[in-house]
Amino acid sequence: MLRFRRMRNLQKFSAVHASVYNLFNAVRSLTSRSSFKLNRAAALAEWRSLCAE
């Protein structure tokens, strides 16, 4: 956290990191392969739509 010179930059980073981490963090051992692939595809589609704005 020392690399952030301003608290605002740290807050922006942590907000974005939390939302992205929640999108892509899926416990693989708890889901079947087909549902895991569907969830990953949906997360990637949402990520692409967010980046396109």
PDB file of N, CA and C in Angstrom:
ATOM      1  N   MET A   1       0.804  -1.183   0.000  1.00  0.00           N
ATOM      2  CA  MET A   1       0.000   0.000   0.000  1.00  0.00           C
ATOM      3  C   MET A   1       0.856   1.261   0.000  1.00  0.00           C
ATOM      4  N   LEU A   2       2.122   1.115   0.219  1.00  0.00           N
ATOM      5  CA  LEU A   2       2.986   2.284   0.258  1.00  0.00           C
ATOM      6  C   LEU A   2       3.215   2.896  -1.116  1.00  0.00           C
ATOM      7  N   ARG A   3       2.918   2.160  -2.190  1.00  0.00           N
ATOM      8  CA  ARG A   3       3.176   2.703  -3.519  1.00  0.00           C
ATOM      9  C   ARG A   3       2.126   3.724  -3.943  1.00  0.00           C
ATOM     10  N   PHE A   4       1.037   3.821  -3.217  1.00  0.00           N
ATOM     11  CA  PHE A   4       0.014   4.812  -3.532  1.00  0.00           C
ATOM     12  C   PHE A   4       0.354   6.112  -2.821  1.00  0.00           C
ATOM     13  N   ARG A   5       0.480   7.152  -3.605  1.00  0.00           N
ATOM     14  CA  ARG A   5       0.849   8.437  -3.019  1.00  0.00           C
ATOM     15  C   ARG A   5      -0.340   9.150  -2.410  1.00  0.00           C
ATOM     16  N   ARG A   6      -1.512   8.889  -2.956  1.00  0.00           N
ATOM     17  CA  ARG A   6      -2.717   9.553  -2.451  1.00  0.00           C
ATOM     18  C   ARG A   6      -3.731   8.515  -2.012  1.00  0.00           C
ATOM     19  N   MET A   7      -4.477   8.871  -0.989  1.00  0.00           N
ATOM     20  CA  MET A   7      -5.501   7.977  -0.470  1.00  0.00           C
ATOM     21  C   MET A   7      -6.588   7.741  -1.520  1.00  0.00           C
ATOM     22  N   ARG A   8      -6.878   8.749  -2.339  1.00  0.00           N
ATOM     23  CA  ARG A   8      -7.908   8.611  -3.373  1.00  0.00           C
ATOM     24  C   ARG A   8      -7.533   7.513  -4.372  1.00  0.00           C
ATOM     25  N   ASN A   9      -6.255   7.449  -4.758  1.00  0.00           N
ATOM     26  CA  ASN A   9      -5.815   6.408  -5.686  1.00  0.00           C
ATOM     27  C   ASN A   9      -5.949   5.022  -5.072  1.00  0.00           C
ATOM     28  N   LEU A  10      -5.628   4.914  -3.815  1.00  0.00           N
ATOM     29  CA  LEU A  10      -5.775   3.641  -3.114  1.00  0.00           C
ATOM     30  C   LEU A  10      -7.240   3.228  -3.043  1.00  0.00           C
ATOM     31  N   GLN A  11      -8.122   4.173  -2.781  1.00  0.00           N
ATOM     32  CA  GLN A  11      -9.545   3.860  -2.695  1.00  0.00           C
ATOM     33  C   GLN A  11     -10.095   3.434  -4.050  1.00  0.00           C
ATOM     34  N   LYS A  12      -9.675   4.112  -5.120  1.00  0.00           N
ATOM     35  CA  LYS A  12     -10.107   3.722  -6.463  1.00  0.00           C
ATOM     36  C   LYS A  12      -9.638   2.316  -6.794  1.00  0.00           C
ATOM     37  N   PHE A  13      -8.371   2.054  -6.507  1.00  0.00           N
ATOM     38  CA  PHE A  13      -7.816   0.738  -6.789  1.00  0.00           C
ATOM     39  C   PHE A  13      -8.551  -0.347  -6.023  1.00  0.00           C
ATOM     40  N   SER A  14      -8.787  -0.126  -4.749  1.00  0.00           N
ATOM     41  CA  SER A  14      -9.432  -1.163  -3.947  1.00  0.00           C
ATOM     42  C   SER A  14     -10.882  -1.386  -4.383  1.00  0.00           C
ATOM     43  N   ALA A  15     -11.572  -0.339  -4.807  1.00  0.00           N
ATOM     44  CA  ALA A  15     -12.952  -0.503  -5.270  1.00  0.00           C
ATOM     45  C   ALA A  15     -12.996  -1.315  -6.559  1.00  0.00           C
ATOM     46  N   VAL A  16     -12.119  -0.990  -7.497  1.00  0.00           N
ATOM     47  CA  VAL A  16     -12.077  -1.724  -8.761  1.00  0.00           C
ATOM     48  C   VAL A  16     -11.605  -3.150  -8.537  1.00  0.00           C
ATOM     49  N   HIS A  17     -10.587  -3.321  -7.710  1.00  0.00           N
ATOM     50  CA  HIS A  17     -10.056  -4.649  -7.442  1.00  0.00           C
ATOM     51  C   HIS A  17     -11.115  -5.542  -6.816  1.00  0.00           C
ATOM     52  N   ALA A  18     -11.894  -5.004  -5.899  1.00  0.00           N
ATOM     53  CA  ALA A  18     -12.924  -5.796  -5.231  1.00  0.00           C
ATOM     54  C   ALA A  18     -13.983  -6.260  -6.217  1.00  0.00           C
ATOM     55  N   SER A  19     -14.401  -5.377  -7.101  1.00  0.00           N
ATOM     56  CA  SER A  19     -15.443  -5.768  -8.055  1.00  0.00           C
ATOM     57  C   SER A  19     -14.916  -6.766  -9.078  1.00  0.00           C
ATOM     58  N   VAL A  20     -13.691  -6.581  -9.539  1.00  0.00           N
ATOM     59  CA  VAL A  20     -13.119  -7.520 -10.507  1.00  0.00           C
ATOM     60  C   VAL A  20     -12.832  -8.856  -9.848  1.00  0.00           C
ATOM     61  N   TYR A  21     -12.318  -8.834  -8.640  1.00  0.00           N
ATOM     62  CA  TYR A  21     -12.014 -10.068  -7.935  1.00  0.00           C
ATOM     63  C   TYR A  21     -13.289 -10.889  -7.714  1.00  0.00           C
ATOM     64  N   ASN A  22     -14.379 -10.211  -7.380  1.00  0.00           N
ATOM     65  CA  ASN A  22     -15.639 -10.919  -7.173  1.00  0.00           C
ATOM     66  C   ASN A  22     -16.173 -11.510  -8.469  1.00  0.00           C
ATOM     67  N   LEU A  23     -15.901 -10.848  -9.596  1.00  0.00           N
ATOM     68  CA  LEU A  23     -16.349 -11.383 -10.879  1.00  0.00           C
ATOM     69  C   LEU A  23     -15.641 -12.679 -11.231  1.00  0.00           C
ATOM     70  N   PHE A  24     -14.337 -12.700 -11.013  1.00  0.00           N
ATOM     71  CA  PHE A  24     -13.538 -13.810 -11.500  1.00  0.00           C
ATOM     72  C   PHE A  24     -13.195 -14.850 -10.442  1.00  0.00           C
ATOM     73  N   ASN A  25     -13.499 -14.588  -9.194  1.00  0.00           N
ATOM     74  CA  ASN A  25     -13.181 -15.545  -8.145  1.00  0.00           C
ATOM     75  C   ASN A  25     -14.315 -16.559  -8.012  1.00  0.00           C
ATOM     76  N   ALA A  26     -14.080 -17.749  -8.496  1.00  0.00           N
ATOM     77  CA  ALA A  26     -15.061 -18.822  -8.364  1.00  0.00           C
ATOM     78  C   ALA A  26     -14.339 -20.053  -7.826  1.00  0.00           C
ATOM     79  N   VAL A  27     -14.881 -20.634  -6.795  1.00  0.00           N
ATOM     80  CA  VAL A  27     -14.263 -21.812  -6.213  1.00  0.00           C
ATOM     81  C   VAL A  27     -14.537 -22.989  -7.150  1.00  0.00           C
ATOM     82  N   ARG A  28     -13.521 -23.434  -7.830  1.00  0.00           N
ATOM     83  CA  ARG A  28     -13.664 -24.438  -8.874  1.00  0.00           C
ATOM     84  C   ARG A  28     -14.151 -25.776  -8.326  1.00  0.00           C
ATOM     85  N   SER A  29     -13.741 -26.125  -7.134  1.00  0.00           N
ATOM     86  CA  SER A  29     -14.079 -27.446  -6.605  1.00  0.00           C
ATOM     87  C   SER A  29     -15.552 -27.588  -6.218  1.00  0.00           C
ATOM     88  N   LEU A  30     -16.274 -26.477  -6.130  1.00  0.00           N
ATOM     89  CA  LEU A  30     -17.657 -26.532  -5.684  1.00  0.00           C
ATOM     90  C   LEU A  30     -18.663 -26.552  -6.828  1.00  0.00           C
ATOM     91  N   THR A  31     -18.202 -26.421  -8.064  1.00  0.00           N
ATOM     92  CA  THR A  31     -19.116 -26.358  -9.201  1.00  0.00           C
ATOM     93  C   THR A  31     -18.728 -27.382 -10.256  1.00  0.00           C
ATOM     94  N   SER A  32     -19.696 -27.738 -11.070  1.00  0.00           N
ATOM     95  CA  SER A  32     -19.400 -28.641 -12.172  1.00  0.00           C
ATOM     96  C   SER A  32     -18.681 -27.871 -13.276  1.00  0.00           C
ATOM     97  N   ARG A  33     -18.057 -28.595 -14.163  1.00  0.00           N
ATOM     98  CA  ARG A  33     -17.287 -27.969 -15.231  1.00  0.00           C
ATOM     99  C   ARG A  33     -18.172 -27.116 -16.144  1.00  0.00           C
ATOM    100  N   SER A  34     -19.352 -27.609 -16.475  1.00  0.00           N
ATOM    101  CA  SER A  34     -20.229 -26.865 -17.385  1.00  0.00           C
ATOM    102  C   SER A  34     -20.714 -25.560 -16.761  1.00  0.00           C
ATOM    103  N   SER A  35     -21.116 -25.591 -15.503  1.00  0.00           N
ATOM    104  CA  SER A  35     -21.570 -24.354 -14.867  1.00  0.00           C
ATOM    105  C   SER A  35     -20.398 -23.407 -14.621  1.00  0.00           C
ATOM    106  N   PHE A  36     -19.210 -23.961 -14.344  1.00  0.00           N
ATOM    107  CA  PHE A  36     -18.024 -23.129 -14.173  1.00  0.00           C
ATOM    108  C   PHE A  36     -17.711 -22.383 -15.468  1.00  0.00           C
ATOM    109  N   LYS A  37     -17.789 -23.088 -16.611  1.00  0.00           N
ATOM    110  CA  LYS A  37     -17.516 -22.454 -17.899  1.00  0.00           C
ATOM    111  C   LYS A  37     -18.560 -21.392 -18.225  1.00  0.00           C
ATOM    112  N   LEU A  38     -19.823 -21.657 -17.909  1.00  0.00           N
ATOM    113  CA  LEU A  38     -20.868 -20.665 -18.151  1.00  0.00           C
ATOM    114  C   LEU A  38     -20.656 -19.411 -17.301  1.00  0.00           C
ATOM    115  N   ASN A  39     -20.315 -19.606 -16.037  1.00  0.00           N
ATOM    116  CA  ASN A  39     -20.066 -18.468 -15.152  1.00  0.00           C
ATOM    117  C   ASN A  39     -18.865 -17.658 -15.608  1.00  0.00           C
ATOM    118  N   ARG A  40     -17.803 -18.348 -16.034  1.00  0.00           N
ATOM    119  CA  ARG A  40     -16.619 -17.640 -16.522  1.00  0.00           C
ATOM    120  C   ARG A  40     -16.933 -16.859 -17.797  1.00  0.00           C
ATOM    121  N   ALA A  41     -17.713 -17.440 -18.687  1.00  0.00           N
ATOM    122  CA  ALA A  41     -18.079 -16.755 -19.930  1.00  0.00           C
ATOM    123  C   ALA A  41     -18.927 -15.521 -19.620  1.00  0.00           C
ATOM    124  N   ALA A  42     -19.848 -15.634 -18.680  1.00  0.00           N
ATOM    125  CA  ALA A  42     -20.670 -14.487 -18.303  1.00  0.00           C
ATOM    126  C   ALA A  42     -19.822 -13.387 -17.662  1.00  0.00           C
ATOM    127  N   ALA A  43     -18.890 -13.775 -16.814  1.00  0.00           N
ATOM    128  CA  ALA A  43     -18.019 -12.794 -16.178  1.00  0.00           C
ATOM    129  C   ALA A  43     -17.141 -12.099 -17.211  1.00  0.00           C
ATOM    130  N   LEU A  44     -16.626 -12.853 -18.160  1.00  0.00           N
ATOM    131  CA  LEU A  44     -15.783 -12.259 -19.193  1.00  0.00           C
ATOM    132  C   LEU A  44     -16.590 -11.328 -20.090  1.00  0.00           C
ATOM    133  N   ALA A  45     -17.811 -11.688 -20.414  1.00  0.00           N
ATOM    134  CA  ALA A  45     -18.667 -10.826 -21.226  1.00  0.00           C
ATOM    135  C   ALA A  45     -18.970  -9.521 -20.497  1.00  0.00           C
ATOM    136  N   GLU A  46     -19.242  -9.615 -19.204  1.00  0.00           N
ATOM    137  CA  GLU A  46     -19.502  -8.400 -18.438  1.00  0.00           C
ATOM    138  C   GLU A  46     -18.259  -7.536 -18.345  1.00  0.00           C
ATOM    139  N   TRP A  47     -17.106  -8.161 -18.161  1.00  0.00           N
ATOM    140  CA  TRP A  47     -15.849  -7.419 -18.096  1.00  0.00           C
ATOM    141  C   TRP A  47     -15.593  -6.688 -19.418  1.00  0.00           C
ATOM    142  N   ARG A  48     -15.827  -7.356 -20.529  1.00  0.00           N
ATOM    143  CA  ARG A  48     -15.630  -6.724 -21.830  1.00  0.00           C
ATOM    144  C   ARG A  48     -16.582  -5.571 -22.054  1.00  0.00           C
ATOM    145  N   SER A  49     -17.830  -5.728 -21.599  1.00  0.00           N
ATOM    146  CA  SER A  49     -18.788  -4.634 -21.746  1.00  0.00           C
ATOM    147  C   SER A  49     -18.404  -3.434 -20.885  1.00  0.00           C
ATOM    148  N   LEU A  50     -17.836  -3.687 -19.698  1.00  0.00           N
ATOM    149  CA  LEU A  50     -17.395  -2.597 -18.849  1.00  0.00           C
ATOM    150  C   LEU A  50     -16.193  -1.877 -19.439  1.00  0.00           C
ATOM    151  N   CYS A  51     -15.307  -2.624 -20.054  1.00  0.00           N
ATOM    152  CA  CYS A  51     -14.111  -2.012 -20.645  1.00  0.00           C
ATOM    153  C   CYS A  51     -14.434  -1.258 -21.923  1.00  0.00           C
ATOM    154  N   ALA A  52     -15.493  -1.620 -22.586  1.00  0.00           N
ATOM    155  CA  ALA A  52     -15.850  -0.982 -23.858  1.00  0.00           C
ATOM    156  C   ALA A  52     -16.468   0.392 -23.638  1.00  0.00           C
ATOM    157  N   GLU A  53     -16.939   0.694 -22.441  1.00  0.00           N
ATOM    158  CA  GLU A  53     -17.609   1.978 -22.202  1.00  0.00           C
ATOM    159  C   GLU A  53     -16.681   3.127 -22.219  1.00  0.00           C
TER     160      GLU A  53
END
